[in-house]
PDB file of N, CA and C in Angstrom:
ATOM      1  N   UNK A   1     -46.321-101.237 141.853  1.00  0.00           N
ATOM      2  CA  UNK A   1     -46.891-102.107 142.854  1.00  0.00           C
ATOM      3  C   UNK A   1     -48.367-101.839 143.084  1.00  0.00           C
ATOM      4  N   UNK A   2     -48.932-100.837 142.506  1.00  0.00           N
ATOM      5  CA  UNK A   2     -50.343-100.568 142.680  1.00  0.00           C
ATOM      6  C   UNK A   2     -50.643 -99.578 143.795  1.00  0.00           C
ATOM      7  N   UNK A   3     -49.809 -99.488 144.786  1.00  0.00           N
ATOM      8  CA  UNK A   3     -49.998 -98.554 145.900  1.00  0.00           C
ATOM      9  C   UNK A   3     -48.750 -97.696 146.040  1.00  0.00           C
ATOM     10  N   UNK A   4     -48.943 -96.457 146.452  1.00  0.00           N
ATOM     11  CA  UNK A   4     -47.807 -95.570 146.702  1.00  0.00           C
ATOM     12  C   UNK A   4     -47.201 -95.956 148.041  1.00  0.00           C
ATOM     13  N   UNK A   5     -45.939 -96.310 148.047  1.00  0.00           N
ATOM     14  CA  UNK A   5     -45.258 -96.728 149.266  1.00  0.00           C
ATOM     15  C   UNK A   5     -44.168 -95.732 149.615  1.00  0.00           C
ATOM     16  N   UNK A   6     -44.152 -95.316 150.868  1.00  0.00           N
ATOM     17  CA  UNK A   6     -43.115 -94.418 151.357  1.00  0.00           C
ATOM     18  C   UNK A   6     -41.782 -95.167 151.309  1.00  0.00           C
ATOM     19  N   UNK A   7     -40.738 -94.483 150.851  1.00  0.00           N
ATOM     20  CA  UNK A   7     -39.425 -95.113 150.804  1.00  0.00           C
ATOM     21  C   UNK A   7     -38.965 -95.456 152.217  1.00  0.00           C
ATOM     22  N   UNK A   8     -38.455 -96.642 152.359  1.00  0.00           N
ATOM     23  CA  UNK A   8     -37.945 -97.119 153.643  1.00  0.00           C
ATOM     24  C   UNK A   8     -36.437 -97.216 153.518  1.00  0.00           C
ATOM     25  N   UNK A   9     -35.702 -96.602 154.451  1.00  0.00           N
ATOM     26  CA  UNK A   9     -34.258 -96.514 154.339  1.00  0.00           C
ATOM     27  C   UNK A   9     -33.546 -97.784 154.766  1.00  0.00           C
ATOM     28  N   UNK A  10     -34.085 -98.500 155.731  1.00  0.00           N
ATOM     29  CA  UNK A  10     -33.422 -99.712 156.186  1.00  0.00           C
ATOM     30  C   UNK A  10     -34.445-100.800 156.431  1.00  0.00           C
ATOM     31  N   UNK A  11     -34.055-102.058 156.283  1.00  0.00           N
ATOM     32  CA  UNK A  11     -35.024-103.146 156.464  1.00  0.00           C
ATOM     33  C   UNK A  11     -35.463-103.274 157.903  1.00  0.00           C
ATOM     34  N   UNK A  12     -36.706-103.683 158.078  1.00  0.00           N
ATOM     35  CA  UNK A  12     -37.247-103.945 159.418  1.00  0.00           C
ATOM     36  C   UNK A  12     -36.624-105.210 159.983  1.00  0.00           C
ATOM     37  N   UNK A  13     -36.455-106.201 159.118  1.00  0.00           N
ATOM     38  CA  UNK A  13     -35.890-107.489 159.518  1.00  0.00           C
ATOM     39  C   UNK A  13     -35.364-108.192 158.276  1.00  0.00           C
ATOM     40  N   UNK A  14     -34.632-109.258 158.484  1.00  0.00           N
ATOM     41  CA  UNK A  14     -34.172-110.104 157.386  1.00  0.00           C
ATOM     42  C   UNK A  14     -34.819-111.465 157.554  1.00  0.00           C
ATOM     43  N   UNK A  15     -35.321-112.008 156.451  1.00  0.00           N
ATOM     44  CA  UNK A  15     -35.963-113.318 156.508  1.00  0.00           C
ATOM     45  C   UNK A  15     -35.492-114.171 155.341  1.00  0.00           C
ATOM     46  N   UNK A  16     -35.323-115.446 155.600  1.00  0.00           N
ATOM     47  CA  UNK A  16     -34.934-116.387 154.553  1.00  0.00           C
ATOM     48  C   UNK A  16     -36.070-117.376 154.336  1.00  0.00           C
ATOM     49  N   UNK A  17     -36.381-117.651 153.063  1.00  0.00           N
ATOM     50  CA  UNK A  17     -37.430-118.643 152.812  1.00  0.00           C
ATOM     51  C   UNK A  17     -36.973-120.043 153.231  1.00  0.00           C
ATOM     52  N   UNK A  18     -37.926-120.848 153.736  1.00  0.00           N
ATOM     53  CA  UNK A  18     -37.591-122.229 154.086  1.00  0.00           C
ATOM     54  C   UNK A  18     -37.557-123.087 152.819  1.00  0.00           C
ATOM     55  N   UNK A  19     -37.393-124.392 152.978  1.00  0.00           N
ATOM     56  CA  UNK A  19     -37.256-125.253 151.811  1.00  0.00           C
ATOM     57  C   UNK A  19     -38.547-125.340 150.972  1.00  0.00           C
ATOM     58  N   UNK A  20     -39.664-124.843 151.504  1.00  0.00           N
ATOM     59  CA  UNK A  20     -40.917-124.806 150.742  1.00  0.00           C
ATOM     60  C   UNK A  20     -41.230-123.406 150.246  1.00  0.00           C
ATOM     61  N   UNK A  21     -40.294-122.465 150.388  1.00  0.00           N
ATOM     62  CA  UNK A  21     -40.479-121.105 149.877  1.00  0.00           C
ATOM     63  C   UNK A  21     -41.264-120.190 150.789  1.00  0.00           C
ATOM     64  N   UNK A  22     -41.477-120.579 152.014  1.00  0.00           N
ATOM     65  CA  UNK A  22     -42.252-119.766 152.955  1.00  0.00           C
ATOM     66  C   UNK A  22     -41.360-118.860 153.788  1.00  0.00           C
ATOM     67  N   UNK A  23     -41.900-117.698 154.103  1.00  0.00           N
ATOM     68  CA  UNK A  23     -41.212-116.749 154.981  1.00  0.00           C
ATOM     69  C   UNK A  23     -42.119-116.496 156.174  1.00  0.00           C
ATOM     70  N   UNK A  24     -41.577-116.586 157.384  1.00  0.00           N
ATOM     71  CA  UNK A  24     -42.329-116.320 158.594  1.00  0.00           C
ATOM     72  C   UNK A  24     -42.142-114.860 158.978  1.00  0.00           C
ATOM     73  N   UNK A  25     -43.245-114.176 159.229  1.00  0.00           N
ATOM     74  CA  UNK A  25     -43.186-112.766 159.580  1.00  0.00           C
ATOM     75  C   UNK A  25     -43.020-112.531 161.070  1.00  0.00           C
ATOM     76  N   UNK A  26     -43.527-113.437 161.876  1.00  0.00           N
ATOM     77  CA  UNK A  26     -43.447-113.274 163.310  1.00  0.00           C
ATOM     78  C   UNK A  26     -44.652-112.550 163.882  1.00  0.00           C
ATOM     79  N   UNK A  27     -44.849-112.701 165.172  1.00  0.00           N
ATOM     80  CA  UNK A  27     -46.059-112.164 165.814  1.00  0.00           C
ATOM     81  C   UNK A  27     -46.093-110.636 165.862  1.00  0.00           C
ATOM     82  N   UNK A  28     -44.957-109.971 165.861  1.00  0.00           N
ATOM     83  CA  UNK A  28     -44.994-108.502 165.921  1.00  0.00           C
ATOM     84  C   UNK A  28     -45.559-107.886 164.643  1.00  0.00           C
ATOM     85  N   UNK A  29     -45.428-108.573 163.529  1.00  0.00           N
ATOM     86  CA  UNK A  29     -45.960-108.069 162.261  1.00  0.00           C
ATOM     87  C   UNK A  29     -47.344-108.604 161.929  1.00  0.00           C
ATOM     88  N   UNK A  30     -47.776-109.643 162.622  1.00  0.00           N
ATOM     89  CA  UNK A  30     -49.060-110.262 162.291  1.00  0.00           C
ATOM     90  C   UNK A  30     -50.094-110.128 163.399  1.00  0.00           C
ATOM     91  N   UNK A  31     -49.758-109.448 164.473  1.00  0.00           N
ATOM     92  CA  UNK A  31     -50.703-109.298 165.592  1.00  0.00           C
ATOM     93  C   UNK A  31     -51.981-108.615 165.114  1.00  0.00           C
ATOM     94  N   UNK A  32     -53.096-109.256 165.361  1.00  0.00           N
ATOM     95  CA  UNK A  32     -54.431-108.735 165.028  1.00  0.00           C
ATOM     96  C   UNK A  32     -54.687-108.614 163.532  1.00  0.00           C
ATOM     97  N   UNK A  33     -53.830-109.164 162.704  1.00  0.00           N
ATOM     98  CA  UNK A  33     -54.015-109.111 161.247  1.00  0.00           C
ATOM     99  C   UNK A  33     -54.725-110.377 160.807  1.00  0.00           C
ATOM    100  N   UNK A  34     -55.806-110.211 160.027  1.00  0.00           N
ATOM    101  CA  UNK A  34     -56.558-111.394 159.588  1.00  0.00           C
ATOM    102  C   UNK A  34     -56.122-111.850 158.191  1.00  0.00           C
ATOM    103  N   UNK A  35     -55.566-110.942 157.397  1.00  0.00           N
ATOM    104  CA  UNK A  35     -55.094-111.314 156.063  1.00  0.00           C
ATOM    105  C   UNK A  35     -54.167-110.231 155.516  1.00  0.00           C
ATOM    106  N   UNK A  36     -53.425-110.583 154.472  1.00  0.00           N
ATOM    107  CA  UNK A  36     -52.578-109.623 153.759  1.00  0.00           C
ATOM    108  C   UNK A  36     -52.925-109.674 152.281  1.00  0.00           C
ATOM    109  N   UNK A  37     -52.961-108.529 151.624  1.00  0.00           N
ATOM    110  CA  UNK A  37     -52.939-108.497 150.161  1.00  0.00           C
ATOM    111  C   UNK A  37     -51.472-108.449 149.795  1.00  0.00           C
ATOM    112  N   UNK A  38     -51.082-109.225 148.791  1.00  0.00           N
ATOM    113  CA  UNK A  38     -49.678-109.302 148.393  1.00  0.00           C
ATOM    114  C   UNK A  38     -49.515-108.642 147.037  1.00  0.00           C
ATOM    115  N   UNK A  39     -48.632-107.650 146.976  1.00  0.00           N
ATOM    116  CA  UNK A  39     -48.332-106.959 145.717  1.00  0.00           C
ATOM    117  C   UNK A  39     -46.907-107.307 145.328  1.00  0.00           C
ATOM    118  N   UNK A  40     -46.699-107.553 144.037  1.00  0.00           N
ATOM    119  CA  UNK A  40     -45.376-107.940 143.545  1.00  0.00           C
ATOM    120  C   UNK A  40     -45.015-107.077 142.354  1.00  0.00           C
ATOM    121  N   UNK A  41     -43.847-106.444 142.437  1.00  0.00           N
ATOM    122  CA  UNK A  41     -43.328-105.633 141.338  1.00  0.00           C
ATOM    123  C   UNK A  41     -42.344-106.495 140.552  1.00  0.00           C
ATOM    124  N   UNK A  42     -42.778-106.966 139.391  1.00  0.00           N
ATOM    125  CA  UNK A  42     -41.940-107.860 138.581  1.00  0.00           C
ATOM    126  C   UNK A  42     -40.646-107.203 138.149  1.00  0.00           C
ATOM    127  N   UNK A  43     -40.681-105.896 137.941  1.00  0.00           N
ATOM    128  CA  UNK A  43     -39.508-105.166 137.480  1.00  0.00           C
ATOM    129  C   UNK A  43     -38.400-105.131 138.528  1.00  0.00           C
ATOM    130  N   UNK A  44     -38.782-104.883 139.789  1.00  0.00           N
ATOM    131  CA  UNK A  44     -37.783-104.753 140.845  1.00  0.00           C
ATOM    132  C   UNK A  44     -37.682-105.970 141.749  1.00  0.00           C
ATOM    133  N   UNK A  45     -38.692-106.848 141.690  1.00  0.00           N
ATOM    134  CA  UNK A  45     -38.708-108.011 142.573  1.00  0.00           C
ATOM    135  C   UNK A  45     -39.216-107.698 143.970  1.00  0.00           C
ATOM    136  N   UNK A  46     -39.668-106.485 144.187  1.00  0.00           N
ATOM    137  CA  UNK A  46     -40.138-106.089 145.511  1.00  0.00           C
ATOM    138  C   UNK A  46     -41.518-106.667 145.795  1.00  0.00           C
ATOM    139  N   UNK A  47     -41.727-107.019 147.053  1.00  0.00           N
ATOM    140  CA  UNK A  47     -43.009-107.537 147.520  1.00  0.00           C
ATOM    141  C   UNK A  47     -43.534-106.581 148.585  1.00  0.00           C
ATOM    142  N   UNK A  48     -44.807-106.244 148.470  1.00  0.00           N
ATOM    143  CA  UNK A  48     -45.463-105.391 149.457  1.00  0.00           C
ATOM    144  C   UNK A  48     -46.615-106.175 150.057  1.00  0.00           C
ATOM    145  N   UNK A  49     -46.675-106.221 151.376  1.00  0.00           N
ATOM    146  CA  UNK A  49     -47.770-106.844 152.092  1.00  0.00           C
ATOM    147  C   UNK A  49     -48.631-105.749 152.708  1.00  0.00           C
ATOM    148  N   UNK A  50     -49.908-105.751 152.348  1.00  0.00           N
ATOM    149  CA  UNK A  50     -50.833-104.762 152.897  1.00  0.00           C
ATOM    150  C   UNK A  50     -51.741-105.471 153.906  1.00  0.00           C
ATOM    151  N   UNK A  51     -51.576-105.204 155.215  1.00  0.00           N
ATOM    152  CA  UNK A  51     -52.352-105.928 156.230  1.00  0.00           C
ATOM    153  C   UNK A  51     -53.786-105.439 156.351  1.00  0.00           C
ATOM    154  N   UNK A  52     -54.674-106.352 156.732  1.00  0.00           N
ATOM    155  CA  UNK A  52     -56.073-106.032 156.966  1.00  0.00           C
ATOM    156  C   UNK A  52     -56.506-106.588 158.314  1.00  0.00           C
ATOM    157  N   UNK A  53     -57.339-105.826 158.977  1.00  0.00           N
ATOM    158  CA  UNK A  53     -57.981-106.276 160.202  1.00  0.00           C
ATOM    159  C   UNK A  53     -59.473-106.294 159.908  1.00  0.00           C
ATOM    160  N   UNK A  54     -60.063-107.456 160.032  1.00  0.00           N
ATOM    161  CA  UNK A  54     -61.486-107.583 159.737  1.00  0.00           C
ATOM    162  C   UNK A  54     -62.274-107.507 161.021  1.00  0.00           C
ATOM    163  N   UNK A  55     -63.526-107.084 160.891  1.00  0.00           N
ATOM    164  CA  UNK A  55     -64.397-106.959 162.057  1.00  0.00           C
ATOM    165  C   UNK A  55     -65.512-108.000 161.961  1.00  0.00           C
ATOM    166  N   UNK A  56     -66.042-108.419 163.101  1.00  0.00           N
ATOM    167  CA  UNK A  56     -67.178-109.353 163.063  1.00  0.00           C
ATOM    168  C   UNK A  56     -68.389-108.703 162.403  1.00  0.00           C
ATOM    169  N   UNK A  57     -69.190-109.494 161.708  1.00  0.00           N
ATOM    170  CA  UNK A  57     -70.383-108.989 161.030  1.00  0.00           C
ATOM    171  C   UNK A  57     -71.334-108.299 161.993  1.00  0.00           C
ATOM    172  N   UNK A  58     -71.371-108.766 163.237  1.00  0.00           N
ATOM    173  CA  UNK A  58     -72.268-108.161 164.220  1.00  0.00           C
ATOM    174  C   UNK A  58     -71.850-106.750 164.619  1.00  0.00           C
ATOM    175  N   UNK A  59     -70.620-106.351 164.284  1.00  0.00           N
ATOM    176  CA  UNK A  59     -70.147-105.010 164.613  1.00  0.00           C
ATOM    177  C   UNK A  59     -70.090-104.094 163.384  1.00  0.00           C
ATOM    178  N   UNK A  60     -70.402-104.604 162.225  1.00  0.00           N
ATOM    179  CA  UNK A  60     -70.324-103.820 160.987  1.00  0.00           C
ATOM    180  C   UNK A  60     -71.301-102.654 160.987  1.00  0.00           C
ATOM    181  N   UNK A  61     -72.411-102.768 161.689  1.00  0.00           N
ATOM    182  CA  UNK A  61     -73.414-101.696 161.744  1.00  0.00           C
ATOM    183  C   UNK A  61     -72.794-100.385 162.189  1.00  0.00           C
ATOM    184  N   UNK A  62     -71.836-100.468 163.100  1.00  0.00           N
ATOM    185  CA  UNK A  62     -71.227 -99.248 163.665  1.00  0.00           C
ATOM    186  C   UNK A  62     -70.533 -98.429 162.575  1.00  0.00           C
ATOM    187  N   UNK A  63     -69.879 -99.100 161.640  1.00  0.00           N
ATOM    188  CA  UNK A  63     -69.123 -98.410 160.603  1.00  0.00           C
ATOM    189  C   UNK A  63     -70.031 -97.854 159.501  1.00  0.00           C
ATOM    190  N   UNK A  64     -71.317 -98.254 159.537  1.00  0.00           N
ATOM    191  CA  UNK A  64     -72.291 -97.725 158.601  1.00  0.00           C
ATOM    192  C   UNK A  64     -73.163 -96.646 159.238  1.00  0.00           C
ATOM    193  N   UNK A  65     -72.998 -96.433 160.544  1.00  0.00           N
ATOM    194  CA  UNK A  65     -73.861 -95.523 161.293  1.00  0.00           C
ATOM    195  C   UNK A  65     -73.054 -94.295 161.715  1.00  0.00           C
ATOM    196  N   UNK A  66     -73.195 -93.243 160.941  1.00  0.00           N
ATOM    197  CA  UNK A  66     -72.421 -92.018 161.179  1.00  0.00           C
ATOM    198  C   UNK A  66     -72.747 -91.390 162.530  1.00  0.00           C
ATOM    199  N   UNK A  67     -74.018 -91.425 162.935  1.00  0.00           N
ATOM    200  CA  UNK A  67     -74.402 -90.829 164.215  1.00  0.00           C
ATOM    201  C   UNK A  67     -73.730 -91.567 165.369  1.00  0.00           C
ATOM    202  N   UNK A  68     -73.719 -92.903 165.309  1.00  0.00           N
ATOM    203  CA  UNK A  68     -73.067 -93.686 166.364  1.00  0.00           C
ATOM    204  C   UNK A  68     -71.579 -93.368 166.427  1.00  0.00           C
ATOM    205  N   UNK A  69     -70.948 -93.229 165.287  1.00  0.00           N
ATOM    206  CA  UNK A  69     -69.519 -92.914 165.271  1.00  0.00           C
ATOM    207  C   UNK A  69     -69.254 -91.543 165.890  1.00  0.00           C
ATOM    208  N   UNK A  70     -70.112 -90.564 165.575  1.00  0.00           N
ATOM    209  CA  UNK A  70     -69.945 -89.217 166.148  1.00  0.00           C
ATOM    210  C   UNK A  70     -70.145 -89.242 167.656  1.00  0.00           C
ATOM    211  N   UNK A  71     -71.125 -90.018 168.121  1.00  0.00           N
ATOM    212  CA  UNK A  71     -71.366 -90.097 169.568  1.00  0.00           C
ATOM    213  C   UNK A  71     -70.177 -90.737 170.278  1.00  0.00           C
ATOM    214  N   UNK A  72     -69.623 -91.784 169.700  1.00  0.00           N
ATOM    215  CA  UNK A  72     -68.457 -92.432 170.298  1.00  0.00           C
ATOM    216  C   UNK A  72     -67.263 -91.477 170.308  1.00  0.00           C
ATOM    217  N   UNK A  73     -67.037 -90.779 169.188  1.00  0.00           N
ATOM    218  CA  UNK A  73     -65.926 -89.814 169.108  1.00  0.00           C
ATOM    219  C   UNK A  73     -66.110 -88.709 170.150  1.00  0.00           C
ATOM    220  N   UNK A  74     -67.340 -88.226 170.295  1.00  0.00           N
ATOM    221  CA  UNK A  74     -67.626 -87.194 171.288  1.00  0.00           C
ATOM    222  C   UNK A  74     -67.348 -87.700 172.696  1.00  0.00           C
ATOM    223  N   UNK A  75     -67.758 -88.939 172.956  1.00  0.00           N
ATOM    224  CA  UNK A  75     -67.514 -89.535 174.268  1.00  0.00           C
ATOM    225  C   UNK A  75     -66.024 -89.722 174.558  1.00  0.00           C
ATOM    226  N   UNK A  76     -65.284 -90.153 173.546  1.00  0.00           N
ATOM    227  CA  UNK A  76     -63.836 -90.315 173.717  1.00  0.00           C
ATOM    228  C   UNK A  76     -63.155 -88.965 173.968  1.00  0.00           C
ATOM    229  N   UNK A  77     -63.595 -87.945 173.231  1.00  0.00           N
ATOM    230  CA  UNK A  77     -63.037 -86.598 173.449  1.00  0.00           C
ATOM    231  C   UNK A  77     -63.337 -86.109 174.858  1.00  0.00           C
ATOM    232  N   UNK A  78     -64.564 -86.347 175.323  1.00  0.00           N
ATOM    233  CA  UNK A  78     -64.955 -85.927 176.664  1.00  0.00           C
ATOM    234  C   UNK A  78     -64.145 -86.675 177.721  1.00  0.00           C
ATOM    235  N   UNK A  79     -63.974 -87.967 177.512  1.00  0.00           N
ATOM    236  CA  UNK A  79     -63.198 -88.756 178.472  1.00  0.00           C
ATOM    237  C   UNK A  79     -61.749 -88.321 178.505  1.00  0.00           C
ATOM    238  N   UNK A  80     -61.181 -88.066 177.346  1.00  0.00           N
ATOM    239  CA  UNK A  80     -59.795 -87.607 177.264  1.00  0.00           C
ATOM    240  C   UNK A  80     -59.640 -86.240 177.940  1.00  0.00           C
ATOM    241  N   UNK A  81     -60.645 -85.378 177.786  1.00  0.00           N
ATOM    242  CA  UNK A  81     -60.597 -84.040 178.366  1.00  0.00           C
ATOM    243  C   UNK A  81     -61.061 -83.984 179.809  1.00  0.00           C
ATOM    244  N   UNK A  82     -61.412 -85.137 180.376  1.00  0.00           N
ATOM    245  CA  UNK A  82     -61.854 -85.163 181.777  1.00  0.00           C
ATOM    246  C   UNK A  82     -63.257 -84.612 181.962  1.00  0.00           C
ATOM    247  N   UNK A  83     -64.042 -84.537 180.884  1.00  0.00           N
ATOM    248  CA  UNK A  83     -65.397 -83.983 180.972  1.00  0.00           C
ATOM    249  C   UNK A  83     -66.437 -85.091 180.943  1.00  0.00           C
ATOM    250  N   UNK A  84     -66.411 -85.953 181.931  1.00  0.00           N
ATOM    251  CA  UNK A  84     -67.358 -87.053 181.992  1.00  0.00           C
ATOM    252  C   UNK A  84     -68.628 -86.632 182.697  1.00  0.00           C
ATOM    253  N   UNK A  85     -69.750 -87.210 182.268  1.00  0.00           N
ATOM    254  CA  UNK A  85     -71.044 -86.890 182.859  1.00  0.00           C
ATOM    255  C   UNK A  85     -71.778 -88.202 183.095  1.00  0.00           C
ATOM    256  N   UNK A  86     -72.295 -88.399 184.299  1.00  0.00           N
ATOM    257  CA  UNK A  86     -73.025 -89.621 184.609  1.00  0.00           C
ATOM    258  C   UNK A  86     -74.385 -89.572 183.952  1.00  0.00           C
ATOM    259  N   UNK A  87     -74.791 -90.748 183.412  1.00  0.00           N
ATOM    260  CA  UNK A  87     -76.133 -90.866 182.834  1.00  0.00           C
ATOM    261  C   UNK A  87     -76.770 -92.137 183.383  1.00  0.00           C
ATOM    262  N   UNK A  88     -78.074 -92.152 183.401  1.00  0.00           N
ATOM    263  CA  UNK A  88     -78.819 -93.319 183.854  1.00  0.00           C
ATOM    264  C   UNK A  88     -79.130 -94.199 182.649  1.00  0.00           C
ATOM    265  N   UNK A  89     -78.396 -95.307 182.512  1.00  0.00           N
ATOM    266  CA  UNK A  89     -78.589 -96.185 181.369  1.00  0.00           C
ATOM    267  C   UNK A  89     -79.932 -96.899 181.408  1.00  0.00           C
ATOM    268  N   UNK A  90     -80.544 -96.942 182.575  1.00  0.00           N
ATOM    269  CA  UNK A  90     -81.857 -97.594 182.694  1.00  0.00           C
ATOM    270  C   UNK A  90     -82.973 -96.695 182.159  1.00  0.00           C
ATOM    271  N   UNK A  91     -82.702 -95.411 182.061  1.00  0.00           N
ATOM    272  CA  UNK A  91     -83.690 -94.482 181.530  1.00  0.00           C
ATOM    273  C   UNK A  91     -83.814 -94.704 180.036  1.00  0.00           C
ATOM    274  N   UNK A  92     -84.980 -95.050 179.560  1.00  0.00           N
ATOM    275  CA  UNK A  92     -85.149 -95.500 178.179  1.00  0.00           C
ATOM    276  C   UNK A  92     -84.842 -94.406 177.142  1.00  0.00           C
ATOM    277  N   UNK A  93     -84.964 -93.147 177.476  1.00  0.00           N
ATOM    278  CA  UNK A  93     -84.766 -92.106 176.477  1.00  0.00           C
ATOM    279  C   UNK A  93     -83.470 -91.326 176.653  1.00  0.00           C
ATOM    280  N   UNK A  94     -82.494 -91.904 177.369  1.00  0.00           N
ATOM    281  CA  UNK A  94     -81.267 -91.161 177.634  1.00  0.00           C
ATOM    282  C   UNK A  94     -80.576 -90.732 176.346  1.00  0.00           C
ATOM    283  N   UNK A  95     -80.604 -91.558 175.295  1.00  0.00           N
ATOM    284  CA  UNK A  95     -79.922 -91.200 174.046  1.00  0.00           C
ATOM    285  C   UNK A  95     -80.593 -90.010 173.364  1.00  0.00           C
ATOM    286  N   UNK A  96     -81.913 -89.835 173.610  1.00  0.00           N
ATOM    287  CA  UNK A  96     -82.611 -88.695 173.016  1.00  0.00           C
ATOM    288  C   UNK A  96     -82.143 -87.376 173.634  1.00  0.00           C
ATOM    289  N   UNK A  97     -81.580 -87.447 174.834  1.00  0.00           N
ATOM    290  CA  UNK A  97     -81.118 -86.245 175.528  1.00  0.00           C
ATOM    291  C   UNK A  97     -79.680 -85.889 175.247  1.00  0.00           C
ATOM    292  N   UNK A  98     -78.994 -86.695 174.431  1.00  0.00           N
ATOM    293  CA  UNK A  98     -77.603 -86.417 174.100  1.00  0.00           C
ATOM    294  C   UNK A  98     -77.576 -85.267 173.106  1.00  0.00           C
ATOM    295  N   UNK A  99     -76.744 -84.280 173.410  1.00  0.00           N
ATOM    296  CA  UNK A  99     -76.636 -83.118 172.524  1.00  0.00           C
ATOM    297  C   UNK A  99     -75.982 -83.523 171.223  1.00  0.00           C
ATOM    298  N   UNK A 100     -76.556 -83.061 170.131  1.00  0.00           N
ATOM    299  CA  UNK A 100     -76.012 -83.350 168.789  1.00  0.00           C
ATOM    300  C   UNK A 100     -75.351 -82.082 168.284  1.00  0.00           C
ATOM    301  N   UNK A 101     -74.051 -82.152 167.990  1.00  0.00           N
ATOM    302  CA  UNK A 101     -73.283 -80.986 167.561  1.00  0.00           C
ATOM    303  C   UNK A 101     -73.435 -80.680 166.069  1.00  0.00           C
ATOM    304  N   UNK A 102     -74.292 -81.374 165.382  1.00  0.00           N
ATOM    305  CA  UNK A 102     -74.424 -81.146 163.927  1.00  0.00           C
ATOM    306  C   UNK A 102     -75.082 -79.821 163.641  1.00  0.00           C
TER     307      UNK A 102
END
């Protein structure tokens, strides 16, 4: 199938194709999914759907910016640990005062 798939012991659901050969997955399997890659194993007849969630182009910068990702991760860790600190967002150089753990 092209991808290593963990063996699944029992089916998640049963679906029957309609008269046009379509199968409906339902909202629980398609929530927030923008597309699927479809893999087919001709030998076994198995079909694998690999879901994808796409991001808007205006947000792609974040995934290319390692420093921004580290700052967000640090903030999430601090919030989870109850270590929040107030900052003045109007202060133009507040980001320069953020400690860098690198």
